[in-house]
Amino acid sequence: MEPHVTQAARKRRTRAPGIVISSADLAHIEALADGAMKRNPALADRLLDEIGRARIVAPAKMPKTVVSIGSTVTYRDETTGLEKSVTLVFPENADIAHQRVSVMTPIGVALLGLAEGAVFFWDTNDNQRRTLTVIRVEQPSAANVDAGGS
């Protein structure tokens, strides 16, 4: 039981962190969300909600410390203390064996647009709520992108 926590303080603590999405990825992400409406409406709604609250920027203005398609992100599960690195990709490039996670997965939606240092909640497939912290974001080099990274 928490001692006297105001409604405003509770709301501040649970507010989702701000996100930034590149205008270059926006149309593809919106099309994926629209296409998923029948197959997985909860995930599609969550992705559309994220897009709706995102700040959309030109690719040249995309901060290097923000998770975008092609970024490799290291995050920490605050429950277990374990760190994991994954690369966020479009579904056609997903390969969990190579730590390439689709933006059309719950963790992919959760990571999209977050900056280094962001803390967010993620609900696992077995309905456990986890707190995750973005530790580091690395952008792909031009050579990696040309080699099939996008």
C-alpha atoms as a PDB file:
ATOM      1  CA  MET A   1       0.000   0.000   0.000  1.00  0.00           C
ATOM      2  CA  GLU A   2       1.422   3.339  -1.063  1.00  0.00           C
ATOM      3  CA  PRO A   3       1.243   6.325   1.243  1.00  0.00           C
ATOM      4  CA  HIS A   4      -0.904   9.183  -0.107  1.00  0.00           C
ATOM      5  CA  VAL A   5      -0.241   9.225  -3.862  1.00  0.00           C
ATOM      6  CA  THR A   6      -2.205  11.831  -5.760  1.00  0.00           C
ATOM      7  CA  GLN A   7      -4.068  10.959  -8.954  1.00  0.00           C
ATOM      8  CA  ALA A   8      -1.789  13.323 -10.908  1.00  0.00           C
ATOM      9  CA  ALA A   9       1.347  11.624  -9.553  1.00  0.00           C
ATOM     10  CA  ARG A  10      -0.034   8.173 -10.402  1.00  0.00           C
ATOM     11  CA  LYS A  11      -0.868   9.334 -13.942  1.00  0.00           C
ATOM     12  CA  ARG A  12       2.621  10.816 -14.427  1.00  0.00           C
ATOM     13  CA  ARG A  13       4.240   7.601 -13.319  1.00  0.00           C
ATOM     14  CA  THR A  14       2.227   5.430 -15.728  1.00  0.00           C
ATOM     15  CA  ARG A  15       2.310   7.756 -18.746  1.00  0.00           C
ATOM     16  CA  ALA A  16       3.921   6.188 -21.792  1.00  0.00           C
ATOM     17  CA  PRO A  17       7.282   7.649 -22.835  1.00  0.00           C
ATOM     18  CA  GLY A  18       7.335   9.894 -25.892  1.00  0.00           C
ATOM     19  CA  ILE A  19       8.157   8.287 -29.201  1.00  0.00           C
ATOM     20  CA  VAL A  20       9.568   9.434 -32.550  1.00  0.00           C
ATOM     21  CA  ILE A  21       8.953   7.722 -35.904  1.00  0.00           C
ATOM     22  CA  SER A  22      10.685   8.409 -39.219  1.00  0.00           C
ATOM     23  CA  SER A  23       8.392   9.620 -41.984  1.00  0.00           C
ATOM     24  CA  ALA A  24      10.218   7.169 -44.286  1.00  0.00           C
ATOM     25  CA  ASP A  25       8.807   4.211 -42.293  1.00  0.00           C
ATOM     26  CA  LEU A  26       5.373   5.632 -41.503  1.00  0.00           C
ATOM     27  CA  ALA A  27       3.387   4.475 -44.571  1.00  0.00           C
ATOM     28  CA  HIS A  28       4.745   0.906 -44.329  1.00  0.00           C
ATOM     29  CA  ILE A  29       4.015   0.713 -40.583  1.00  0.00           C
ATOM     30  CA  GLU A  30       0.474   2.085 -41.066  1.00  0.00           C
ATOM     31  CA  ALA A  31      -0.172  -0.436 -43.859  1.00  0.00           C
ATOM     32  CA  LEU A  32       1.030  -3.273 -41.613  1.00  0.00           C
ATOM     33  CA  ALA A  33      -1.281  -2.125 -38.813  1.00  0.00           C
ATOM     34  CA  ASP A  34      -4.241  -1.840 -41.191  1.00  0.00           C
ATOM     35  CA  GLY A  35      -3.513  -5.298 -42.587  1.00  0.00           C
ATOM     36  CA  ALA A  36      -3.349  -6.811 -39.104  1.00  0.00           C
ATOM     37  CA  MET A  37      -6.777  -5.491 -38.045  1.00  0.00           C
ATOM     38  CA  LYS A  38      -8.532  -8.792 -38.830  1.00  0.00           C
ATOM     39  CA  ARG A  39      -5.731 -11.158 -37.750  1.00  0.00           C
ATOM     40  CA  ASN A  40      -4.643  -9.439 -34.551  1.00  0.00           C
ATOM     41  CA  PRO A  41      -6.836  -6.420 -33.761  1.00  0.00           C
ATOM     42  CA  ALA A  42      -5.355  -5.833 -30.277  1.00  0.00           C
ATOM     43  CA  LEU A  43      -1.814  -5.552 -31.660  1.00  0.00           C
ATOM     44  CA  ALA A  44      -2.968  -3.450 -34.619  1.00  0.00           C
ATOM     45  CA  ASP A  45      -4.810  -1.078 -32.266  1.00  0.00           C
ATOM     46  CA  ARG A  46      -1.752  -0.766 -30.044  1.00  0.00           C
ATOM     47  CA  LEU A  47       0.467   0.034 -33.035  1.00  0.00           C
ATOM     48  CA  LEU A  48      -2.022   2.610 -34.350  1.00  0.00           C
ATOM     49  CA  ASP A  49      -2.181   4.175 -30.869  1.00  0.00           C
ATOM     50  CA  GLU A  50       1.623   4.431 -30.849  1.00  0.00           C
ATOM     51  CA  ILE A  51       1.613   6.028 -34.308  1.00  0.00           C
ATOM     52  CA  GLY A  52      -1.085   8.451 -33.172  1.00  0.00           C
ATOM     53  CA  ARG A  53       0.974   9.729 -30.242  1.00  0.00           C
ATOM     54  CA  ALA A  54       4.300   9.717 -32.096  1.00  0.00           C
ATOM     55  CA  ARG A  55       6.232  12.730 -33.297  1.00  0.00           C
ATOM     56  CA  ILE A  56       6.846  12.093 -37.011  1.00  0.00           C
ATOM     57  CA  VAL A  57      10.156  13.459 -38.331  1.00  0.00           C
ATOM     58  CA  ALA A  58      12.053  13.477 -41.612  1.00  0.00           C
ATOM     59  CA  PRO A  59      14.680  10.706 -41.849  1.00  0.00           C
ATOM     60  CA  ALA A  60      17.503  13.272 -41.635  1.00  0.00           C
ATOM     61  CA  LYS A  61      16.034  14.595 -38.355  1.00  0.00           C
ATOM     62  CA  MET A  62      15.648  11.148 -36.774  1.00  0.00           C
ATOM     63  CA  PRO A  63      17.631  11.118 -33.497  1.00  0.00           C
ATOM     64  CA  LYS A  64      20.404   8.488 -33.493  1.00  0.00           C
ATOM     65  CA  THR A  65      19.400   7.413 -29.969  1.00  0.00           C
ATOM     66  CA  VAL A  66      15.823   6.465 -30.962  1.00  0.00           C
ATOM     67  CA  VAL A  67      14.682   2.963 -31.954  1.00  0.00           C
ATOM     68  CA  SER A  68      13.598   2.849 -35.593  1.00  0.00           C
ATOM     69  CA  ILE A  69      13.327   0.153 -38.229  1.00  0.00           C
ATOM     70  CA  GLY A  70      16.835  -1.289 -38.610  1.00  0.00           C
ATOM     71  CA  SER A  71      18.048  -0.126 -35.185  1.00  0.00           C
ATOM     72  CA  THR A  72      19.698  -2.525 -32.791  1.00  0.00           C
ATOM     73  CA  VAL A  73      18.436  -1.882 -29.285  1.00  0.00           C
ATOM     74  CA  THR A  74      19.718  -3.217 -25.994  1.00  0.00           C
ATOM     75  CA  TYR A  75      17.144  -3.235 -23.214  1.00  0.00           C
ATOM     76  CA  ARG A  76      17.052  -4.484 -19.627  1.00  0.00           C
ATOM     77  CA  ASP A  77      14.198  -6.380 -18.002  1.00  0.00           C
ATOM     78  CA  GLU A  78      13.990  -4.683 -14.611  1.00  0.00           C
ATOM     79  CA  THR A  79      12.360  -7.778 -13.060  1.00  0.00           C
ATOM     80  CA  THR A  80      15.183 -10.173 -13.932  1.00  0.00           C
ATOM     81  CA  GLY A  81      18.043  -7.726 -14.565  1.00  0.00           C
ATOM     82  CA  LEU A  82      18.751  -9.485 -17.870  1.00  0.00           C
ATOM     83  CA  GLU A  83      19.814  -7.434 -20.887  1.00  0.00           C
ATOM     84  CA  LYS A  84      18.913  -8.381 -24.439  1.00  0.00           C
ATOM     85  CA  SER A  85      19.837  -6.915 -27.815  1.00  0.00           C
ATOM     86  CA  VAL A  86      17.523  -7.150 -30.819  1.00  0.00           C
ATOM     87  CA  THR A  87      17.214  -5.449 -34.188  1.00  0.00           C
ATOM     88  CA  LEU A  88      13.789  -4.023 -35.035  1.00  0.00           C
ATOM     89  CA  VAL A  89      12.711  -4.966 -38.574  1.00  0.00           C
ATOM     90  CA  PHE A  90       9.665  -5.189 -40.828  1.00  0.00           C
ATOM     91  CA  PRO A  91       7.950  -8.613 -40.675  1.00  0.00           C
ATOM     92  CA  GLU A  92       9.462  -9.819 -43.955  1.00  0.00           C
ATOM     93  CA  ASN A  93      12.965  -9.487 -42.429  1.00  0.00           C
ATOM     94  CA  ALA A  94      12.177 -10.982 -39.012  1.00  0.00           C
ATOM     95  CA  ASP A  95      14.392 -13.858 -37.857  1.00  0.00           C
ATOM     96  CA  ILE A  96      14.394 -14.572 -34.135  1.00  0.00           C
ATOM     97  CA  ALA A  97      17.449 -16.842 -34.513  1.00  0.00           C
ATOM     98  CA  HIS A  98      19.388 -13.719 -35.542  1.00  0.00           C
ATOM     99  CA  GLN A  99      17.662 -11.465 -32.963  1.00  0.00           C
ATOM    100  CA  ARG A 100      15.696  -9.635 -35.699  1.00  0.00           C
ATOM    101  CA  VAL A 101      12.321  -8.810 -34.145  1.00  0.00           C
ATOM    102  CA  SER A 102       9.317  -7.730 -36.191  1.00  0.00           C
ATOM    103  CA  VAL A 103       7.651  -4.393 -35.511  1.00  0.00           C
ATOM    104  CA  MET A 104       4.430  -6.465 -35.664  1.00  0.00           C
ATOM    105  CA  THR A 105       5.131  -8.255 -32.379  1.00  0.00           C
ATOM    106  CA  PRO A 106       4.213  -6.954 -28.910  1.00  0.00           C
ATOM    107  CA  ILE A 107       7.852  -6.197 -28.040  1.00  0.00           C
ATOM    108  CA  GLY A 108       8.417  -4.640 -31.478  1.00  0.00           C
ATOM    109  CA  VAL A 109       5.477  -2.283 -31.015  1.00  0.00           C
ATOM    110  CA  ALA A 110       6.684  -1.453 -27.500  1.00  0.00           C
ATOM    111  CA  LEU A 111      10.226  -0.605 -28.672  1.00  0.00           C
ATOM    112  CA  LEU A 112       9.319   1.432 -31.770  1.00  0.00           C
ATOM    113  CA  GLY A 113      10.281   5.088 -31.380  1.00  0.00           C
ATOM    114  CA  LEU A 114      11.728   4.892 -27.867  1.00  0.00           C
ATOM    115  CA  ALA A 115      14.892   6.767 -26.932  1.00  0.00           C
ATOM    116  CA  GLU A 116      17.830   5.574 -24.865  1.00  0.00           C
ATOM    117  CA  GLY A 117      16.918   5.754 -21.194  1.00  0.00           C
ATOM    118  CA  ALA A 118      13.178   5.291 -21.774  1.00  0.00           C
ATOM    119  CA  VAL A 119      11.381   3.052 -19.290  1.00  0.00           C
ATOM    120  CA  PHE A 120       8.257   1.284 -20.470  1.00  0.00           C
ATOM    121  CA  PHE A 121       5.863  -1.493 -19.562  1.00  0.00           C
ATOM    122  CA  TRP A 122       5.444  -4.577 -21.678  1.00  0.00           C
ATOM    123  CA  ASP A 123       2.851  -7.320 -21.222  1.00  0.00           C
ATOM    124  CA  THR A 124       4.245 -10.768 -22.005  1.00  0.00           C
ATOM    125  CA  ASN A 125       2.304 -13.525 -23.776  1.00  0.00           C
ATOM    126  CA  ASP A 126       1.539 -15.081 -20.375  1.00  0.00           C
ATOM    127  CA  ASN A 127       0.051 -11.809 -19.082  1.00  0.00           C
ATOM    128  CA  GLN A 128       2.961 -10.735 -16.907  1.00  0.00           C
ATOM    129  CA  ARG A 129       3.694  -7.026 -16.853  1.00  0.00           C
ATOM    130  CA  ARG A 130       7.404  -6.283 -17.136  1.00  0.00           C
ATOM    131  CA  THR A 131       9.271  -3.008 -16.824  1.00  0.00           C
ATOM    132  CA  LEU A 132      11.933  -2.591 -19.473  1.00  0.00           C
ATOM    133  CA  THR A 133      14.601   0.089 -19.869  1.00  0.00           C
ATOM    134  CA  VAL A 134      16.217   1.021 -23.180  1.00  0.00           C
ATOM    135  CA  ILE A 135      19.969   0.917 -22.502  1.00  0.00           C
ATOM    136  CA  ARG A 136      21.493   1.582 -25.933  1.00  0.00           C
ATOM    137  CA  VAL A 137      20.350   2.200 -29.508  1.00  0.00           C
ATOM    138  CA  GLU A 138      22.637   1.630 -32.486  1.00  0.00           C
ATOM    139  CA  GLN A 139      21.730   2.640 -36.029  1.00  0.00           C
ATOM    140  CA  PRO A 140      22.695   0.467 -38.988  1.00  0.00           C
ATOM    141  CA  SER A 141      25.607   1.502 -41.142  1.00  0.00           C
ATOM    142  CA  ALA A 142      24.842   2.325 -44.785  1.00  0.00           C
ATOM    143  CA  ALA A 143      26.624  -0.910 -45.811  1.00  0.00           C
ATOM    144  CA  ASN A 144      24.287  -3.019 -43.642  1.00  0.00           C
ATOM    145  CA  VAL A 145      21.203  -1.337 -45.056  1.00  0.00           C
ATOM    146  CA  ASP A 146      22.430  -1.886 -48.620  1.00  0.00           C
ATOM    147  CA  ALA A 147      23.149  -5.541 -47.812  1.00  0.00           C
ATOM    148  CA  GLY A 148      19.487  -6.261 -47.088  1.00  0.00           C
ATOM    149  CA  GLY A 149      18.865  -4.697 -43.689  1.00  0.00           C
ATOM    150  CA  SER A 150      15.818  -2.943 -45.084  1.00  0.00           C
END
